[in-house]
PDB file of N, CA and C in Angstrom:
ATOM      1  N   UNK A   1     107.591  35.205 109.244  1.00  0.00           N
ATOM      2  CA  UNK A   1     108.117  34.007 108.606  1.00  0.00           C
ATOM      3  C   UNK A   1     109.212  33.510 109.514  1.00  0.00           C
ATOM      4  N   UNK A   2     109.283  32.257 109.778  1.00  0.00           N
ATOM      5  CA  UNK A   2     110.328  31.625 110.678  1.00  0.00           C
ATOM      6  C   UNK A   2     111.153  30.683 109.787  1.00  0.00           C
ATOM      7  N   UNK A   3     112.327  31.017 109.552  1.00  0.00           N
ATOM      8  CA  UNK A   3     113.251  30.159 108.627  1.00  0.00           C
ATOM      9  C   UNK A   3     114.271  29.449 109.472  1.00  0.00           C
ATOM     10  N   UNK A   4     114.154  28.126 109.467  1.00  0.00           N
ATOM     11  CA  UNK A   4     115.134  27.343 110.195  1.00  0.00           C
ATOM     12  C   UNK A   4     115.105  25.917 109.646  1.00  0.00           C
ATOM     13  N   UNK A   5     116.302  25.372 109.408  1.00  0.00           N
ATOM     14  CA  UNK A   5     116.378  24.046 108.834  1.00  0.00           C
ATOM     15  C   UNK A   5     115.949  23.016 109.903  1.00  0.00           C
ATOM     16  N   UNK A   6     115.964  23.363 111.170  1.00  0.00           N
ATOM     17  CA  UNK A   6     115.423  22.542 112.211  1.00  0.00           C
ATOM     18  C   UNK A   6     113.886  22.694 112.206  1.00  0.00           C
ATOM     19  N   UNK A   7     113.235  21.728 111.583  1.00  0.00           N
ATOM     20  CA  UNK A   7     111.761  21.818 111.434  1.00  0.00           C
ATOM     21  C   UNK A   7     110.998  21.983 112.722  1.00  0.00           C
ATOM     22  N   UNK A   8     111.512  21.281 113.771  1.00  0.00           N
ATOM     23  CA  UNK A   8     110.773  21.360 115.025  1.00  0.00           C
ATOM     24  C   UNK A   8     110.885  22.786 115.602  1.00  0.00           C
ATOM     25  N   UNK A   9     112.016  23.412 115.457  1.00  0.00           N
ATOM     26  CA  UNK A   9     112.139  24.792 116.010  1.00  0.00           C
ATOM     27  C   UNK A   9     111.304  25.726 115.209  1.00  0.00           C
ATOM     28  N   UNK A  10     111.357  25.642 113.920  1.00  0.00           N
ATOM     29  CA  UNK A  10     110.499  26.556 113.063  1.00  0.00           C
ATOM     30  C   UNK A  10     109.025  26.350 113.353  1.00  0.00           C
ATOM     31  N   UNK A  11     108.601  25.045 113.384  1.00  0.00           N
ATOM     32  CA  UNK A  11     107.192  24.760 113.638  1.00  0.00           C
ATOM     33  C   UNK A  11     106.776  25.267 115.020  1.00  0.00           C
ATOM     34  N   UNK A  12     107.518  25.037 116.053  1.00  0.00           N
ATOM     35  CA  UNK A  12     107.176  25.473 117.408  1.00  0.00           C
ATOM     36  C   UNK A  12     106.989  26.966 117.531  1.00  0.00           C
ATOM     37  N   UNK A  13     107.904  27.756 116.954  1.00  0.00           N
ATOM     38  CA  UNK A  13     107.821  29.216 117.000  1.00  0.00           C
ATOM     39  C   UNK A  13     106.618  29.655 116.249  1.00  0.00           C
ATOM     40  N   UNK A  14     106.392  29.137 115.036  1.00  0.00           N
ATOM     41  CA  UNK A  14     105.278  29.538 114.222  1.00  0.00           C
ATOM     42  C   UNK A  14     103.989  29.215 114.946  1.00  0.00           C
ATOM     43  N   UNK A  15     103.843  28.039 115.497  1.00  0.00           N
ATOM     44  CA  UNK A  15     102.600  27.652 116.205  1.00  0.00           C
ATOM     45  C   UNK A  15     102.369  28.611 117.365  1.00  0.00           C
ATOM     46  N   UNK A  16     103.419  28.868 118.132  1.00  0.00           N
ATOM     47  CA  UNK A  16     103.314  29.773 119.301  1.00  0.00           C
ATOM     48  C   UNK A  16     102.796  31.129 118.824  1.00  0.00           C
ATOM     49  N   UNK A  17     103.375  31.676 117.752  1.00  0.00           N
ATOM     50  CA  UNK A  17     102.967  33.036 117.248  1.00  0.00           C
ATOM     51  C   UNK A  17     101.552  32.999 116.708  1.00  0.00           C
ATOM     52  N   UNK A  18     101.118  31.859 116.014  1.00  0.00           N
ATOM     53  CA  UNK A  18      99.741  31.781 115.521  1.00  0.00           C
ATOM     54  C   UNK A  18      98.800  31.755 116.694  1.00  0.00           C
ATOM     55  N   UNK A  19      99.081  31.073 117.823  1.00  0.00           N
ATOM     56  CA  UNK A  19      98.278  30.954 118.962  1.00  0.00           C
ATOM     57  C   UNK A  19      97.983  32.409 119.497  1.00  0.00           C
ATOM     58  N   UNK A  20      98.986  33.273 119.335  1.00  0.00           N
ATOM     59  CA  UNK A  20      98.857  34.627 119.905  1.00  0.00           C
ATOM     60  C   UNK A  20      98.286  35.610 118.932  1.00  0.00           C
ATOM     61  N   UNK A  21      97.809  35.089 117.710  1.00  0.00           N
ATOM     62  CA  UNK A  21      97.132  35.896 116.752  1.00  0.00           C
ATOM     63  C   UNK A  21      98.018  36.404 115.639  1.00  0.00           C
ATOM     64  N   UNK A  22      99.278  36.030 115.567  1.00  0.00           N
ATOM     65  CA  UNK A  22     100.146  36.524 114.435  1.00  0.00           C
ATOM     66  C   UNK A  22      99.911  35.542 113.231  1.00  0.00           C
ATOM     67  N   UNK A  23     100.132  36.074 112.102  1.00  0.00           N
ATOM     68  CA  UNK A  23     100.189  35.300 110.890  1.00  0.00           C
ATOM     69  C   UNK A  23     101.658  34.805 110.716  1.00  0.00           C
ATOM     70  N   UNK A  24     101.901  33.559 110.824  1.00  0.00           N
ATOM     71  CA  UNK A  24     103.227  33.003 110.732  1.00  0.00           C
ATOM     72  C   UNK A  24     103.344  31.692 109.928  1.00  0.00           C
ATOM     73  N   UNK A  25     104.469  31.581 109.248  1.00  0.00           N
ATOM     74  CA  UNK A  25     104.627  30.341 108.480  1.00  0.00           C
ATOM     75  C   UNK A  25     106.122  29.874 108.735  1.00  0.00           C
ATOM     76  N   UNK A  26     106.232  28.503 108.922  1.00  0.00           N
ATOM     77  CA  UNK A  26     107.566  27.958 109.033  1.00  0.00           C
ATOM     78  C   UNK A  26     108.113  27.727 107.674  1.00  0.00           C
ATOM     79  N   UNK A  27     109.392  27.947 107.400  1.00  0.00           N
ATOM     80  CA  UNK A  27     110.133  27.616 106.193  1.00  0.00           C
ATOM     81  C   UNK A  27     111.430  27.018 106.591  1.00  0.00           C
ATOM     82  N   UNK A  28     111.829  25.915 105.837  1.00  0.00           N
ATOM     83  CA  UNK A  28     112.840  24.976 106.337  1.00  0.00           C
ATOM     84  C   UNK A  28     114.208  25.160 105.551  1.00  0.00           C
ATOM     85  N   UNK A  29     114.363  26.028 104.669  1.00  0.00           N
ATOM     86  CA  UNK A  29     115.599  26.253 103.971  1.00  0.00           C
ATOM     87  C   UNK A  29     115.731  27.662 103.451  1.00  0.00           C
ATOM     88  N   UNK A  30     116.962  28.147 103.260  1.00  0.00           N
ATOM     89  CA  UNK A  30     117.152  29.430 102.682  1.00  0.00           C
ATOM     90  C   UNK A  30     116.592  29.654 101.381  1.00  0.00           C
ATOM     91  N   UNK A  31     116.749  28.685 100.480  1.00  0.00           N
ATOM     92  CA  UNK A  31     116.250  28.773  99.173  1.00  0.00           C
ATOM     93  C   UNK A  31     114.702  28.881  99.152  1.00  0.00           C
ATOM     94  N   UNK A  32     114.059  28.040  99.996  1.00  0.00           N
ATOM     95  CA  UNK A  32     112.592  28.137 100.145  1.00  0.00           C
ATOM     96  C   UNK A  32     112.149  29.456 100.762  1.00  0.00           C
ATOM     97  N   UNK A  33     113.022  30.092 101.591  1.00  0.00           N
ATOM     98  CA  UNK A  33     112.653  31.300 102.247  1.00  0.00           C
ATOM     99  C   UNK A  33     112.537  32.408 101.162  1.00  0.00           C
ATOM    100  N   UNK A  34     113.446  32.449 100.165  1.00  0.00           N
ATOM    101  CA  UNK A  34     113.360  33.419  99.153  1.00  0.00           C
ATOM    102  C   UNK A  34     112.133  33.255  98.256  1.00  0.00           C
ATOM    103  N   UNK A  35     111.777  32.029  97.959  1.00  0.00           N
ATOM    104  CA  UNK A  35     110.530  31.685  97.236  1.00  0.00           C
ATOM    105  C   UNK A  35     109.289  32.050  98.077  1.00  0.00           C
ATOM    106  N   UNK A  36     109.243  31.682  99.275  1.00  0.00           N
ATOM    107  CA  UNK A  36     108.017  31.891 100.135  1.00  0.00           C
ATOM    108  C   UNK A  36     107.756  33.438 100.407  1.00  0.00           C
ATOM    109  N   UNK A  37     108.938  34.170 100.486  1.00  0.00           N
ATOM    110  CA  UNK A  37     108.756  35.581 100.827  1.00  0.00           C
ATOM    111  C   UNK A  37     108.012  36.293  99.668  1.00  0.00           C
ATOM    112  N   UNK A  38     108.167  35.801  98.520  1.00  0.00           N
ATOM    113  CA  UNK A  38     107.512  36.421  97.353  1.00  0.00           C
ATOM    114  C   UNK A  38     105.987  36.325  97.500  1.00  0.00           C
ATOM    115  N   UNK A  39     105.459  35.217  97.946  1.00  0.00           N
ATOM    116  CA  UNK A  39     104.007  34.966  98.044  1.00  0.00           C
ATOM    117  C   UNK A  39     103.505  35.329  99.464  1.00  0.00           C
ATOM    118  N   UNK A  40     104.272  35.200 100.477  1.00  0.00           N
ATOM    119  CA  UNK A  40     103.813  35.450 101.896  1.00  0.00           C
ATOM    120  C   UNK A  40     103.853  36.894 102.212  1.00  0.00           C
ATOM    121  N   UNK A  41     104.839  37.621 101.610  1.00  0.00           N
ATOM    122  CA  UNK A  41     105.018  39.038 101.822  1.00  0.00           C
ATOM    123  C   UNK A  41     105.143  39.371 103.307  1.00  0.00           C
ATOM    124  N   UNK A  42     106.178  38.849 103.998  1.00  0.00           N
ATOM    125  CA  UNK A  42     106.416  39.012 105.380  1.00  0.00           C
ATOM    126  C   UNK A  42     106.740  40.494 105.827  1.00  0.00           C
ATOM    127  N   UNK A  43     106.368  40.812 107.040  1.00  0.00           N
ATOM    128  CA  UNK A  43     106.844  42.068 107.656  1.00  0.00           C
ATOM    129  C   UNK A  43     108.149  41.804 108.414  1.00  0.00           C
ATOM    130  N   UNK A  44     108.185  40.611 108.916  1.00  0.00           N
ATOM    131  CA  UNK A  44     109.332  40.247 109.895  1.00  0.00           C
ATOM    132  C   UNK A  44     109.787  38.763 109.494  1.00  0.00           C
ATOM    133  N   UNK A  45     111.070  38.613 109.413  1.00  0.00           N
ATOM    134  CA  UNK A  45     111.620  37.302 109.159  1.00  0.00           C
ATOM    135  C   UNK A  45     112.631  36.948 110.199  1.00  0.00           C
ATOM    136  N   UNK A  46     112.271  35.859 110.920  1.00  0.00           N
ATOM    137  CA  UNK A  46     113.284  35.315 111.893  1.00  0.00           C
ATOM    138  C   UNK A  46     114.145  34.247 111.113  1.00  0.00           C
ATOM    139  N   UNK A  47     115.420  34.477 111.060  1.00  0.00           N
ATOM    140  CA  UNK A  47     116.328  33.676 110.190  1.00  0.00           C
ATOM    141  C   UNK A  47     117.391  32.973 110.940  1.00  0.00           C
ATOM    142  N   UNK A  48     117.429  31.691 110.831  1.00  0.00           N
ATOM    143  CA  UNK A  48     118.493  30.928 111.326  1.00  0.00           C
ATOM    144  C   UNK A  48     119.723  31.197 110.435  1.00  0.00           C
ATOM    145  N   UNK A  49     120.941  31.225 110.965  1.00  0.00           N
ATOM    146  CA  UNK A  49     122.113  31.503 110.124  1.00  0.00           C
ATOM    147  C   UNK A  49     122.703  30.281 109.613  1.00  0.00           C
ATOM    148  N   UNK A  50     122.731  29.147 110.424  1.00  0.00           N
ATOM    149  CA  UNK A  50     123.490  27.935 110.067  1.00  0.00           C
ATOM    150  C   UNK A  50     122.625  26.967 109.334  1.00  0.00           C
ATOM    151  N   UNK A  51     122.308  27.203 108.061  1.00  0.00           N
ATOM    152  CA  UNK A  51     121.545  26.299 107.218  1.00  0.00           C
ATOM    153  C   UNK A  51     122.417  25.828 106.055  1.00  0.00           C
ATOM    154  N   UNK A  52     122.195  24.645 105.599  1.00  0.00           N
ATOM    155  CA  UNK A  52     122.951  24.114 104.422  1.00  0.00           C
ATOM    156  C   UNK A  52     122.430  24.834 103.134  1.00  0.00           C
ATOM    157  N   UNK A  53     123.300  24.672 102.187  1.00  0.00           N
ATOM    158  CA  UNK A  53     123.105  25.160 100.776  1.00  0.00           C
ATOM    159  C   UNK A  53     123.036  26.705 100.721  1.00  0.00           C
ATOM    160  N   UNK A  54     122.127  27.406 101.415  1.00  0.00           N
ATOM    161  CA  UNK A  54     122.063  28.780 101.511  1.00  0.00           C
ATOM    162  C   UNK A  54     121.800  29.216 102.926  1.00  0.00           C
ATOM    163  N   UNK A  55     122.778  29.808 103.539  1.00  0.00           N
ATOM    164  CA  UNK A  55     122.645  30.154 104.934  1.00  0.00           C
ATOM    165  C   UNK A  55     121.870  31.402 105.156  1.00  0.00           C
ATOM    166  N   UNK A  56     121.605  31.781 106.406  1.00  0.00           N
ATOM    167  CA  UNK A  56     120.762  32.935 106.656  1.00  0.00           C
ATOM    168  C   UNK A  56     121.415  34.245 106.262  1.00  0.00           C
ATOM    169  N   UNK A  57     122.755  34.313 106.353  1.00  0.00           N
ATOM    170  CA  UNK A  57     123.465  35.591 105.923  1.00  0.00           C
ATOM    171  C   UNK A  57     123.218  35.751 104.368  1.00  0.00           C
ATOM    172  N   UNK A  58     123.338  34.693 103.529  1.00  0.00           N
ATOM    173  CA  UNK A  58     123.046  34.709 102.145  1.00  0.00           C
ATOM    174  C   UNK A  58     121.617  35.125 101.804  1.00  0.00           C
ATOM    175  N   UNK A  59     120.699  34.574 102.567  1.00  0.00           N
ATOM    176  CA  UNK A  59     119.298  34.908 102.343  1.00  0.00           C
ATOM    177  C   UNK A  59     119.069  36.375 102.663  1.00  0.00           C
ATOM    178  N   UNK A  60     119.492  36.883 103.784  1.00  0.00           N
ATOM    179  CA  UNK A  60     119.417  38.210 104.117  1.00  0.00           C
ATOM    180  C   UNK A  60     120.010  39.126 103.095  1.00  0.00           C
ATOM    181  N   UNK A  61     121.138  38.844 102.556  1.00  0.00           N
ATOM    182  CA  UNK A  61     121.835  39.656 101.493  1.00  0.00           C
ATOM    183  C   UNK A  61     120.964  39.678 100.253  1.00  0.00           C
ATOM    184  N   UNK A  62     120.434  38.484  99.874  1.00  0.00           N
ATOM    185  CA  UNK A  62     119.544  38.487  98.656  1.00  0.00           C
ATOM    186  C   UNK A  62     118.277  39.295  98.891  1.00  0.00           C
ATOM    187  N   UNK A  63     117.645  39.180 100.058  1.00  0.00           N
ATOM    188  CA  UNK A  63     116.456  39.931 100.307  1.00  0.00           C
ATOM    189  C   UNK A  63     116.805  41.424 100.241  1.00  0.00           C
ATOM    190  N   UNK A  64     117.844  41.890 100.854  1.00  0.00           N
ATOM    191  CA  UNK A  64     118.123  43.292 100.914  1.00  0.00           C
ATOM    192  C   UNK A  64     118.463  43.871  99.532  1.00  0.00           C
ATOM    193  N   UNK A  65     118.827  43.018  98.638  1.00  0.00           N
ATOM    194  CA  UNK A  65     119.105  43.488  97.238  1.00  0.00           C
ATOM    195  C   UNK A  65     117.871  43.749  96.402  1.00  0.00           C
ATOM    196  N   UNK A  66     116.698  43.312  96.909  1.00  0.00           N
ATOM    197  CA  UNK A  66     115.432  43.420  96.219  1.00  0.00           C
ATOM    198  C   UNK A  66     114.610  44.570  96.973  1.00  0.00           C
ATOM    199  N   UNK A  67     114.204  45.527  96.109  1.00  0.00           N
ATOM    200  CA  UNK A  67     113.482  46.678  96.764  1.00  0.00           C
ATOM    201  C   UNK A  67     112.257  46.266  97.487  1.00  0.00           C
ATOM    202  N   UNK A  68     111.588  45.230  97.055  1.00  0.00           N
ATOM    203  CA  UNK A  68     110.365  44.766  97.716  1.00  0.00           C
ATOM    204  C   UNK A  68     110.605  44.409  99.248  1.00  0.00           C
ATOM    205  N   UNK A  69     111.815  43.982  99.513  1.00  0.00           N
ATOM    206  CA  UNK A  69     112.159  43.463 100.785  1.00  0.00           C
ATOM    207  C   UNK A  69     113.063  44.308 101.639  1.00  0.00           C
ATOM    208  N   UNK A  70     113.464  45.496 101.166  1.00  0.00           N
ATOM    209  CA  UNK A  70     114.329  46.376 101.899  1.00  0.00           C
ATOM    210  C   UNK A  70     113.849  46.757 103.224  1.00  0.00           C
ATOM    211  N   UNK A  71     112.526  46.898 103.407  1.00  0.00           N
ATOM    212  CA  UNK A  71     111.902  47.340 104.715  1.00  0.00           C
ATOM    213  C   UNK A  71     111.546  46.191 105.572  1.00  0.00           C
ATOM    214  N   UNK A  72     111.687  44.923 105.097  1.00  0.00           N
ATOM    215  CA  UNK A  72     111.361  43.791 106.027  1.00  0.00           C
ATOM    216  C   UNK A  72     112.315  43.771 107.131  1.00  0.00           C
ATOM    217  N   UNK A  73     111.788  43.522 108.297  1.00  0.00           N
ATOM    218  CA  UNK A  73     112.600  43.474 109.548  1.00  0.00           C
ATOM    219  C   UNK A  73     113.220  42.096 109.585  1.00  0.00           C
ATOM    220  N   UNK A  74     114.572  42.026 109.697  1.00  0.00           N
ATOM    221  CA  UNK A  74     115.232  40.698 109.733  1.00  0.00           C
ATOM    222  C   UNK A  74     115.798  40.544 111.137  1.00  0.00           C
ATOM    223  N   UNK A  75     115.517  39.327 111.682  1.00  0.00           N
ATOM    224  CA  UNK A  75     116.010  39.059 113.037  1.00  0.00           C
ATOM    225  C   UNK A  75     116.764  37.732 112.946  1.00  0.00           C
ATOM    226  N   UNK A  76     117.992  37.793 113.279  1.00  0.00           N
ATOM    227  CA  UNK A  76     118.816  36.487 113.350  1.00  0.00           C
ATOM    228  C   UNK A  76     118.302  35.758 114.487  1.00  0.00           C
ATOM    229  N   UNK A  77     118.059  34.487 114.348  1.00  0.00           N
ATOM    230  CA  UNK A  77     117.749  33.552 115.422  1.00  0.00           C
ATOM    231  C   UNK A  77     118.601  32.378 115.308  1.00  0.00           C
ATOM    232  N   UNK A  78     119.746  32.376 116.004  1.00  0.00           N
ATOM    233  CA  UNK A  78     120.821  31.500 115.765  1.00  0.00           C
ATOM    234  C   UNK A  78     121.471  31.030 117.012  1.00  0.00           C
ATOM    235  N   UNK A  79     122.224  29.976 116.933  1.00  0.00           N
ATOM    236  CA  UNK A  79     123.061  29.469 118.100  1.00  0.00           C
ATOM    237  C   UNK A  79     124.308  30.338 118.151  1.00  0.00           C
ATOM    238  N   UNK A  80     124.645  31.076 117.139  1.00  0.00           N
ATOM    239  CA  UNK A  80     125.892  31.835 117.067  1.00  0.00           C
ATOM    240  C   UNK A  80     125.745  33.240 117.622  1.00  0.00           C
ATOM    241  N   UNK A  81     126.402  33.489 118.729  1.00  0.00           N
ATOM    242  CA  UNK A  81     126.285  34.784 119.404  1.00  0.00           C
ATOM    243  C   UNK A  81     127.554  35.547 119.550  1.00  0.00           C
ATOM    244  N   UNK A  82     128.660  35.002 118.920  1.00  0.00           N
ATOM    245  CA  UNK A  82     129.966  35.627 119.014  1.00  0.00           C
ATOM    246  C   UNK A  82     129.960  37.036 118.311  1.00  0.00           C
ATOM    247  N   UNK A  83     130.908  37.766 118.684  1.00  0.00           N
ATOM    248  CA  UNK A  83     131.045  39.188 118.151  1.00  0.00           C
ATOM    249  C   UNK A  83     131.274  39.236 116.607  1.00  0.00           C
ATOM    250  N   UNK A  84     132.003  38.279 116.117  1.00  0.00           N
ATOM    251  CA  UNK A  84     132.160  38.242 114.652  1.00  0.00           C
ATOM    252  C   UNK A  84     130.855  38.054 113.856  1.00  0.00           C
ATOM    253  N   UNK A  85     130.047  37.091 114.364  1.00  0.00           N
ATOM    254  CA  UNK A  85     128.798  36.850 113.732  1.00  0.00           C
ATOM    255  C   UNK A  85     127.871  37.973 113.947  1.00  0.00           C
ATOM    256  N   UNK A  86     127.873  38.568 115.060  1.00  0.00           N
ATOM    257  CA  UNK A  86     127.006  39.746 115.287  1.00  0.00           C
ATOM    258  C   UNK A  86     127.403  40.914 114.372  1.00  0.00           C
ATOM    259  N   UNK A  87     128.684  41.096 114.162  1.00  0.00           N
ATOM    260  CA  UNK A  87     129.188  42.101 113.251  1.00  0.00           C
ATOM    261  C   UNK A  87     128.685  41.820 111.839  1.00  0.00           C
ATOM    262  N   UNK A  88     128.707  40.501 111.420  1.00  0.00           N
ATOM    263  CA  UNK A  88     128.216  40.182 110.081  1.00  0.00           C
ATOM    264  C   UNK A  88     126.725  40.408 109.887  1.00  0.00           C
ATOM    265  N   UNK A  89     125.949  40.095 110.895  1.00  0.00           N
ATOM    266  CA  UNK A  89     124.502  40.304 110.819  1.00  0.00           C
ATOM    267  C   UNK A  89     124.136  41.838 110.735  1.00  0.00           C
ATOM    268  N   UNK A  90     124.917  42.557 111.503  1.00  0.00           N
ATOM    269  CA  UNK A  90     124.701  44.004 111.471  1.00  0.00           C
ATOM    270  C   UNK A  90     125.084  44.582 110.082  1.00  0.00           C
ATOM    271  N   UNK A  91     126.200  44.125 109.597  1.00  0.00           N
ATOM    272  CA  UNK A  91     126.715  44.677 108.317  1.00  0.00           C
ATOM    273  C   UNK A  91     125.763  44.295 107.092  1.00  0.00           C
ATOM    274  N   UNK A  92     125.139  43.154 107.185  1.00  0.00           N
ATOM    275  CA  UNK A  92     124.273  42.709 106.150  1.00  0.00           C
ATOM    276  C   UNK A  92     122.856  43.447 106.138  1.00  0.00           C
ATOM    277  N   UNK A  93     122.527  43.850 107.384  1.00  0.00           N
ATOM    278  CA  UNK A  93     121.260  44.558 107.540  1.00  0.00           C
ATOM    279  C   UNK A  93     120.231  43.951 108.427  1.00  0.00           C
ATOM    280  N   UNK A  94     120.602  43.036 109.231  1.00  0.00           N
ATOM    281  CA  UNK A  94     119.719  42.450 110.240  1.00  0.00           C
ATOM    282  C   UNK A  94     119.356  43.620 111.212  1.00  0.00           C
ATOM    283  N   UNK A  95     118.162  43.553 111.676  1.00  0.00           N
ATOM    284  CA  UNK A  95     117.651  44.525 112.650  1.00  0.00           C
ATOM    285  C   UNK A  95     118.006  44.155 114.115  1.00  0.00           C
ATOM    286  N   UNK A  96     118.044  42.796 114.338  1.00  0.00           N
ATOM    287  CA  UNK A  96     118.276  42.250 115.664  1.00  0.00           C
ATOM    288  C   UNK A  96     118.962  40.912 115.531  1.00  0.00           C
ATOM    289  N   UNK A  97     119.581  40.535 116.637  1.00  0.00           N
ATOM    290  CA  UNK A  97     120.333  39.254 116.702  1.00  0.00           C
ATOM    291  C   UNK A  97     119.935  38.535 118.024  1.00  0.00           C
ATOM    292  N   UNK A  98     119.177  37.492 117.903  1.00  0.00           N
ATOM    293  CA  UNK A  98     118.815  36.602 119.110  1.00  0.00           C
ATOM    294  C   UNK A  98     119.584  35.332 119.024  1.00  0.00           C
ATOM    295  N   UNK A  99     120.035  34.948 120.227  1.00  0.00           N
ATOM    296  CA  UNK A  99     120.758  33.672 120.315  1.00  0.00           C
ATOM    297  C   UNK A  99     119.797  32.559 120.867  1.00  0.00           C
ATOM    298  N   UNK A 100     119.877  31.400 120.246  1.00  0.00           N
ATOM    299  CA  UNK A 100     119.022  30.328 120.673  1.00  0.00           C
ATOM    300  C   UNK A 100     119.599  29.709 121.993  1.00  0.00           C
ATOM    301  N   UNK A 101     118.765  29.256 122.905  1.00  0.00           N
ATOM    302  CA  UNK A 101     117.361  29.330 122.809  1.00  0.00           C
ATOM    303  C   UNK A 101     116.805  30.763 123.169  1.00  0.00           C
ATOM    304  N   UNK A 102     116.063  31.323 122.314  1.00  0.00           N
ATOM    305  CA  UNK A 102     115.635  32.692 122.578  1.00  0.00           C
ATOM    306  C   UNK A 102     114.406  32.665 123.541  1.00  0.00           C
ATOM    307  N   UNK A 103     114.354  33.667 124.344  1.00  0.00           N
ATOM    308  CA  UNK A 103     113.221  33.832 125.248  1.00  0.00           C
ATOM    309  C   UNK A 103     111.996  34.304 124.486  1.00  0.00           C
ATOM    310  N   UNK A 104     110.904  33.632 124.613  1.00  0.00           N
ATOM    311  CA  UNK A 104     109.675  33.901 123.852  1.00  0.00           C
ATOM    312  C   UNK A 104     109.163  35.318 124.089  1.00  0.00           C
ATOM    313  N   UNK A 105     109.385  35.804 125.339  1.00  0.00           N
ATOM    314  CA  UNK A 105     109.022  37.230 125.626  1.00  0.00           C
ATOM    315  C   UNK A 105     109.867  38.141 124.775  1.00  0.00           C
ATOM    316  N   UNK A 106     111.077  37.865 124.573  1.00  0.00           N
ATOM    317  CA  UNK A 106     111.985  38.670 123.787  1.00  0.00           C
ATOM    318  C   UNK A 106     111.446  38.731 122.328  1.00  0.00           C
ATOM    319  N   UNK A 107     111.059  37.568 121.835  1.00  0.00           N
ATOM    320  CA  UNK A 107     110.528  37.499 120.450  1.00  0.00           C
ATOM    321  C   UNK A 107     109.269  38.321 120.372  1.00  0.00           C
ATOM    322  N   UNK A 108     108.391  38.230 121.317  1.00  0.00           N
ATOM    323  CA  UNK A 108     107.216  38.989 121.239  1.00  0.00           C
ATOM    324  C   UNK A 108     107.529  40.500 121.398  1.00  0.00           C
ATOM    325  N   UNK A 109     108.449  40.878 122.186  1.00  0.00           N
ATOM    326  CA  UNK A 109     108.838  42.342 122.335  1.00  0.00           C
ATOM    327  C   UNK A 109     109.349  42.847 121.013  1.00  0.00           C
ATOM    328  N   UNK A 110     110.084  42.039 120.290  1.00  0.00           N
ATOM    329  CA  UNK A 110     110.655  42.478 119.043  1.00  0.00           C
ATOM    330  C   UNK A 110     109.569  42.656 117.929  1.00  0.00           C
ATOM    331  N   UNK A 111     108.572  41.645 117.958  1.00  0.00           N
ATOM    332  CA  UNK A 111     107.476  41.705 117.118  1.00  0.00           C
ATOM    333  C   UNK A 111     106.590  42.952 117.366  1.00  0.00           C
ATOM    334  N   UNK A 112     106.357  43.275 118.667  1.00  0.00           N
ATOM    335  CA  UNK A 112     105.592  44.455 118.959  1.00  0.00           C
ATOM    336  C   UNK A 112     106.335  45.747 118.543  1.00  0.00           C
ATOM    337  N   UNK A 113     107.676  45.734 118.580  1.00  0.00           N
ATOM    338  CA  UNK A 113     108.347  46.971 118.156  1.00  0.00           C
ATOM    339  C   UNK A 113     108.433  47.026 116.615  1.00  0.00           C
ATOM    340  N   UNK A 114     108.111  45.995 115.955  1.00  0.00           N
ATOM    341  CA  UNK A 114     108.115  45.988 114.463  1.00  0.00           C
ATOM    342  C   UNK A 114     106.740  46.401 113.891  1.00  0.00           C
ATOM    343  N   UNK A 115     105.702  46.482 114.766  1.00  0.00           N
ATOM    344  CA  UNK A 115     104.315  46.684 114.212  1.00  0.00           C
ATOM    345  C   UNK A 115     104.179  48.151 113.909  1.00  0.00           C
TER     346      UNK A 115
END
């Protein structure tokens, strides 16, 4: 699942992953991410942090509070790469932190390590 309020970014990554045989869906808000996770049942979630209403940190925290999602791999995919933000993602339970624009090979390497 690719969660980003920038629709073009979410769509592009999702389409790229689907072309390579992955099952992927774009989701455009944090609130929608929580709803879609229930039905899509993702193994990996790429989460933008800077989203309105419910940011990626809040989404990650909510997911980690639910036993169904405790083992889902969370990957921050954000423009924020400073040490403070990295410390926050680590503390909440993100597995990885990628800074936009992320290298597509790095995304694939992370997906392969999650399989």
